[in-house]
Protein backbone atom coordinates (compact mmCIF):
# COMPACT_ATOMS: atom_id res chain seq x y z
CA MET A 1 12.28 -13.91 72.43
CA LYS A 2 9.13 -13.98 74.57
CA ASP A 3 11.47 -13.18 77.36
CA GLN A 4 13.04 -10.23 75.75
CA GLN A 5 9.74 -8.99 74.59
CA SER A 6 8.25 -9.49 77.86
CA ALA A 7 11.04 -7.61 79.73
CA ILE A 8 10.75 -4.84 77.02
CA GLU A 9 6.94 -4.42 77.97
CA ARG A 10 7.16 -4.64 81.59
CA ARG A 11 9.79 -1.81 81.81
CA VAL A 12 8.00 0.47 79.35
CA MET A 13 4.75 -0.04 81.39
CA LEU A 14 6.38 0.75 84.78
CA ILE A 15 8.29 3.95 83.14
CA GLY A 16 4.75 5.01 81.42
CA GLY A 17 2.90 4.68 84.51
CA MET A 18 5.06 6.81 86.48
CA VAL A 19 5.37 9.41 83.72
CA TYR A 20 1.52 9.58 83.92
CA LEU A 21 0.87 9.78 87.38
CA ILE A 22 3.02 12.72 87.44
CA LEU A 23 1.10 14.53 84.68
CA GLY A 24 -2.12 13.55 86.13
CA PHE A 25 -1.19 14.81 89.57
CA ALA A 26 0.10 18.11 88.15
CA ALA A 27 -3.01 18.54 86.14
CA TRP A 28 -5.06 18.13 89.41
CA VAL A 29 -3.28 20.79 91.00
CA VAL A 30 -3.47 23.08 87.99
CA TYR A 31 -6.98 22.30 87.87
CA SER A 32 -7.83 23.45 91.20
CA LEU A 33 -5.70 26.70 90.41
CA SER A 34 -7.36 27.56 87.55
CA GLY A 35 -10.88 26.08 87.35
CA SER A 36 -10.30 24.52 83.81
CA GLU A 37 -12.47 21.88 82.69
CA ALA A 38 -9.89 21.12 79.90
CA ILE A 39 -7.11 20.72 82.35
CA LEU A 40 -9.30 18.51 84.41
CA LEU A 41 -9.83 16.20 81.49
CA GLU A 42 -6.16 15.96 80.60
CA GLY A 43 -5.89 15.11 84.62
CA ASN A 44 -8.42 12.36 84.65
CA TYR A 45 -7.02 10.83 81.22
CA ASN A 46 -3.73 10.81 82.71
CA ILE A 47 -4.55 8.81 85.84
CA VAL A 48 -6.55 6.38 84.00
CA CYS A 49 -3.36 5.91 81.82
CA ALA A 50 -1.19 5.37 85.11
CA VAL A 51 -3.48 2.91 86.47
CA ALA A 52 -3.65 1.04 83.31
CA SER A 53 0.21 1.00 82.54
CA PHE A 54 0.53 -0.89 86.45
CA ILE A 55 -2.13 -3.11 85.51
CA GLY A 56 -0.46 -3.92 82.22
CA PHE A 57 2.77 -4.44 84.03
CA TYR A 58 1.01 -7.20 86.02
CA VAL A 59 -0.70 -8.79 82.92
CA ILE A 60 2.64 -9.16 81.24
CA SER A 61 3.98 -11.45 84.25
CA ILE A 62 0.87 -13.88 83.95
CA ARG A 63 0.12 -13.87 80.21
CA ASN A 64 2.86 -16.83 79.04
CA LYS A 65 1.57 -18.95 82.08
CA ALA A 66 -0.74 -21.88 80.87
CA THR A 67 -3.36 -23.04 83.05
CA LYS A 68 -6.40 -25.56 82.64
CA THR A 69 -8.42 -23.05 81.71
CA PHE A 70 -6.16 -21.28 79.16
CA PRO A 71 -3.76 -24.05 77.98
CA LEU A 72 -2.13 -21.91 75.47
CA GLY A 73 -1.52 -19.07 78.17
CA GLN A 74 -3.39 -16.23 79.65
CA PHE A 75 -2.95 -13.73 76.48
CA ILE A 76 -6.71 -12.99 76.60
CA TYR A 77 -5.81 -10.50 79.40
CA GLU A 78 -3.78 -8.57 77.15
CA SER A 79 -6.71 -7.75 75.05
CA LEU A 80 -9.04 -7.46 77.99
CA TYR A 81 -6.34 -4.82 79.18
CA SER A 82 -6.54 -3.06 75.78
CA LEU A 83 -10.08 -2.93 75.27
CA ILE A 84 -10.86 -1.77 78.84
CA LYS A 85 -8.30 1.29 78.49
CA GLY A 86 -10.22 2.13 75.06
CA ILE A 87 -13.46 2.10 77.03
CA LEU A 88 -12.24 4.28 79.73
CA ILE A 89 -10.79 6.81 77.57
CA LEU A 90 -13.81 6.84 75.49
CA GLY A 91 -16.02 7.16 78.72
CA ILE A 92 -13.79 10.07 79.92
CA LEU A 93 -14.13 11.97 76.43
CA THR A 94 -17.89 11.20 76.44
CA ALA A 95 -18.39 12.57 79.91
CA ALA A 96 -16.25 15.91 78.93
CA LEU A 97 -18.03 16.26 75.96
CA TRP A 98 -21.43 16.17 77.82
CA GLU A 99 -20.39 18.47 80.82
CA ASN A 100 -18.93 20.94 78.33
CA SER A 101 -21.86 20.94 75.96
CA VAL A 102 -23.92 21.86 79.03
CA LYS A 103 -21.55 24.63 79.86
CA ILE A 104 -22.03 26.27 76.52
CA PHE A 105 -25.70 25.83 76.59
CA ASN A 106 -25.78 27.31 80.12
CA TYR A 107 -23.78 30.39 78.79
CA LEU A 108 -26.10 31.15 75.66
CA THR A 109 -28.99 30.25 77.54
CA LYS A 110 -28.56 31.69 81.10
CA GLY A 111 -25.71 34.04 80.67
CA GLU A 112 -23.36 31.63 83.30
CA SER A 113 -19.92 32.53 82.98
CA HIS A 114 -16.94 30.90 84.18
CA GLU A 115 -13.56 32.50 84.16
CA ILE A 116 -10.17 30.74 83.92
CA ASN A 117 -7.24 31.58 85.86
CA THR A 118 -4.53 31.20 83.22
CA ALA A 119 -1.26 31.89 85.23
CA PRO A 120 -0.64 28.10 86.20
CA ILE A 121 -1.64 26.74 82.66
CA GLY A 122 1.44 27.48 80.64
CA GLY A 123 3.87 25.57 82.73
CA LEU A 124 1.56 22.58 82.75
CA VAL A 125 1.28 22.85 78.88
CA LEU A 126 4.98 22.54 78.41
CA LEU A 127 5.44 19.67 80.95
CA SER A 128 2.68 17.60 79.44
CA VAL A 129 3.65 18.10 75.62
CA THR A 130 7.19 17.28 76.09
CA LEU A 131 6.68 14.31 78.26
CA SER A 132 3.46 13.10 76.22
CA PHE A 133 5.35 13.22 72.99
CA ALA A 134 8.66 11.67 74.78
CA LEU A 135 6.44 8.70 75.68
CA VAL A 136 4.97 8.65 72.16
CA TRP A 137 8.70 8.23 70.94
CA TYR A 138 10.04 5.91 73.70
CA TYR A 139 7.00 3.51 73.19
CA LYS A 140 7.51 3.27 69.31
CA ARG A 141 11.08 2.62 69.67
CA GLU A 142 10.57 -0.12 72.24
CA ASN A 143 7.81 -1.66 69.96
CA GLN A 144 10.32 -1.65 67.28
CA LYS A 145 12.45 -3.79 69.42
CA THR A 146 9.63 -6.32 69.46
CA GLY A 147 9.30 -6.48 65.60
CA ASN A 148 6.31 -4.09 66.53
CA ARG A 149 4.51 -7.09 67.73
CA SER A 150 3.07 -6.03 71.07
CA SER A 151 -0.49 -4.96 70.90
CA MET A 152 -0.03 -3.19 74.46
CA LEU A 153 2.64 -1.08 73.38
CA SER A 154 0.53 -0.08 70.17
CA THR A 155 -2.28 0.69 72.04
CA ASP A 156 -0.37 2.93 74.61
CA THR A 157 1.51 4.76 71.69
CA LYS A 158 -1.88 5.55 70.61
CA GLY A 159 -2.96 6.83 74.15
CA ALA A 160 0.36 8.63 74.63
CA LYS A 161 -0.37 10.52 71.12
CA ILE A 162 -4.00 11.43 72.39
CA ASP A 163 -2.35 12.90 75.75
CA GLY A 164 -0.09 14.74 73.93
CA PHE A 165 -2.65 16.40 71.66
CA LEU A 166 -5.03 16.73 74.41
CA SER A 167 -2.07 18.86 76.30
CA LEU A 168 -1.53 20.94 73.35
CA PHE A 169 -5.32 21.78 72.63
CA ALA A 170 -6.47 22.00 76.35
CA GLY A 171 -3.38 24.15 77.27
CA GLY A 172 -2.17 26.13 74.34
CA SER A 173 -5.54 26.58 72.49
CA LEU A 174 -7.23 27.45 75.90
CA LEU A 175 -4.52 30.32 76.50
CA LEU A 176 -4.91 31.63 73.10
CA MET A 177 -8.54 31.55 73.16
CA ILE A 178 -8.74 33.56 76.39
CA TYR A 179 -5.92 35.87 75.19
CA ILE A 180 -7.99 36.81 72.09
CA GLY A 181 -11.46 37.03 73.90
CA ARG A 182 -10.04 39.73 76.67
CA THR A 183 -8.31 41.80 73.93
CA PHE A 184 -10.98 41.82 71.36
CA PRO A 185 -14.49 42.69 72.90
CA THR A 186 -16.23 41.48 69.91
CA VAL A 187 -15.41 38.04 70.87
CA GLY A 188 -15.22 38.35 74.57
CA PHE A 189 -17.15 35.37 74.75
CA LEU A 190 -14.31 33.25 74.48
CA GLN A 191 -12.77 34.04 77.65
CA TYR A 192 -15.78 32.36 79.38
CA ILE A 193 -16.35 29.27 76.94
CA GLY A 194 -13.10 29.00 75.33
CA ASP A 195 -12.34 26.27 77.74
CA ALA A 196 -15.20 24.13 76.67
CA LEU A 197 -14.68 25.01 72.77
CA VAL A 198 -11.24 23.67 72.94
CA VAL A 199 -12.69 20.26 74.63
CA LEU A 200 -15.05 19.75 71.99
CA ILE A 201 -12.75 20.62 69.22
CA PHE A 202 -10.51 17.97 70.88
CA GLU A 203 -13.26 15.46 71.03
CA LEU A 204 -13.98 15.66 67.11
CA VAL A 205 -10.29 15.17 66.21
CA MET A 206 -9.57 12.43 68.82
CA ILE A 207 -12.63 10.46 69.25
CA LYS A 208 -11.98 8.08 66.46
CA GLU A 209 -8.66 6.76 68.34
CA PRO A 210 -10.52 4.87 71.36
CA ILE A 211 -13.08 3.73 69.16
CA HIS A 212 -10.70 1.89 66.96
CA ILE A 213 -9.00 0.53 70.00
CA ILE A 214 -11.98 -1.00 71.23
CA ARG A 215 -13.34 -2.46 67.89
CA GLN A 216 -9.98 -4.14 67.09
CA HIS A 217 -9.75 -5.87 70.73
CA PHE A 218 -13.38 -6.91 71.09
CA VAL A 219 -12.73 -8.68 67.80
CA GLU A 220 -9.81 -10.35 69.38
CA LEU A 221 -11.60 -11.11 72.77
CA VAL A 222 -14.53 -12.98 70.48
CA GLY A 223 -11.74 -15.01 68.53
CA GLY A 224 -12.43 -13.08 65.36
CA GLN A 225 -9.82 -13.40 62.27
CA LEU A 226 -6.33 -11.45 62.19
CA GLN A 227 -7.28 -7.67 61.37
CA SER A 228 -3.88 -6.88 60.40
CA GLU A 229 -3.67 -7.42 56.57
CA LYS A 230 0.06 -6.93 56.54
CA ASP A 231 0.50 -9.97 59.32
CA ARG A 232 -2.07 -12.11 57.69
CA THR A 233 -0.09 -12.14 54.35
CA GLU A 234 3.12 -12.45 55.88
CA ILE A 235 2.14 -15.71 57.97
CA ILE A 236 0.39 -17.14 54.74
CA ASN A 237 3.60 -16.40 52.96
CA VAL A 238 5.49 -18.30 55.52
CA VAL A 239 2.79 -21.14 55.23
CA ASP A 240 3.16 -21.51 51.66
CA SER A 241 6.94 -21.34 51.49
CA ILE A 242 7.67 -24.40 53.59
CA VAL A 243 4.41 -26.51 52.89
CA PRO A 244 5.16 -30.15 51.99
CA GLN A 245 4.20 -31.16 48.35
CA SER A 246 1.77 -34.13 49.79
CA PHE A 247 -0.16 -31.22 51.82
CA ASN A 248 -3.05 -29.76 50.20
CA VAL A 249 -4.06 -26.62 52.21
CA ASP A 250 -7.34 -26.34 52.21
CA GLU A 251 -8.27 -23.33 54.45
CA ILE A 252 -6.14 -21.25 57.00
CA TYR A 253 -7.41 -19.75 59.92
CA ILE A 254 -5.51 -17.06 61.92
CA SER A 255 -6.72 -15.27 64.87
CA LYS A 256 -4.80 -13.24 67.37
CA THR A 257 -5.67 -12.93 71.13
CA GLY A 258 -3.19 -10.23 72.92
CA SER A 259 0.41 -11.16 71.37
CA LEU A 260 -0.74 -14.73 70.84
CA ILE A 261 -1.17 -15.66 67.12
CA LEU A 262 -3.06 -19.03 66.70
CA ILE A 263 -2.73 -20.63 63.08
CA LEU A 264 -5.27 -23.31 62.41
CA LEU A 265 -4.54 -25.26 58.96
CA TYR A 266 -7.17 -27.40 57.50
CA ILE A 267 -5.11 -29.63 55.03
CA LYS A 268 -6.28 -32.58 52.36
CA GLY A 269 -3.99 -35.15 50.78
CA ASP A 270 -3.01 -38.68 50.51
CA HIS A 271 -0.64 -40.52 52.88
CA LEU A 272 -1.00 -37.77 55.67
CA LYS A 273 1.30 -39.66 58.08
CA PRO A 274 1.08 -38.04 61.83
CA ASP A 275 5.02 -38.18 61.98
CA LEU A 276 5.14 -35.99 58.79
CA ILE A 277 2.13 -33.80 60.30
CA ASN A 278 4.01 -33.09 63.59
CA ASN A 279 7.33 -32.23 61.91
CA TYR A 280 6.00 -29.68 59.70
CA ARG A 281 3.84 -28.25 62.44
CA SER A 282 6.97 -28.10 64.52
CA ILE A 283 9.34 -26.61 61.67
CA LEU A 284 6.15 -23.80 60.78
CA GLU A 285 6.10 -22.80 64.56
CA ASN A 286 9.78 -22.50 65.16
CA GLU A 287 9.76 -20.24 61.63
CA LEU A 288 6.80 -18.19 62.97
CA ARG A 289 8.08 -17.40 66.22
CA LEU A 290 11.25 -15.72 64.57
CA VAL A 291 8.88 -13.14 64.19
CA TYR A 292 5.75 -13.69 66.05
CA ALA A 293 7.01 -14.72 69.52
CA ASN A 294 3.71 -16.43 70.78
CA ALA A 295 2.68 -18.02 67.63
CA SER A 296 1.09 -21.44 68.08
CA VAL A 297 0.20 -23.85 64.95
CA GLU A 298 -2.34 -26.50 64.87
CA ILE A 299 -3.19 -28.66 62.13
CA LEU A 300 -6.43 -30.27 61.12
CA ILE A 301 -7.39 -32.90 58.71
């Protein structure tokens, strides 16, 4: 199952990276023709996602390799990948928030205006929305093949969704605002700052996604408890279903680092023979690996 999941993830990362490269360069070209800051934001976001996907492709190839430093495997790089990607996305959104807030302020206080050439934007919107939501569907479908256990694909599904809505807001809403601004003089300001307003609206809607990604994977990196209540309940049910009668499970600690699930069982009881403990640990680990490919169990007395 490990090899199957890794093969799926590597294929998805490679395809996703190529798609993001196409979208990123296309957005940069359209930005150079249109002068739209919203389109620039989209292009920067896509390039970050492309680079992250290619890094993810490499991370998947090394995560299962045990070293002296990481005897259980280098799964920490999965969490680090997702954390850095979340930080980069948040950084791009924050920079865009500042730049476009300044743009609106300068228009209101100094009368500085910046007209947008809308001609090349429509084609980019159609391309970006189509490919972005196609990636969302593709990531979800491939993640289902892993039992929805891939943290990298879960992160990238959210990223593709952000990109799809970014394309829709940055392009579709921008075209609508500029059209209204040019058609109705009373709201003529929209043709000058509609671009910035679109970015700010998008920020309000989507800013929570990278924050959620950062929080989740920061917890993983510092060794916190498994955050998914669904997975925690499922693991505890498996433990309870096959625990020997002579074992008294005092406490269960479950942590997640990338796709590694580490279960520590603290047990009490009489006549806890090493052979019995090792046999139970092996049975439990094999049972869990039917669902969690990289599950590891340790028992402490």
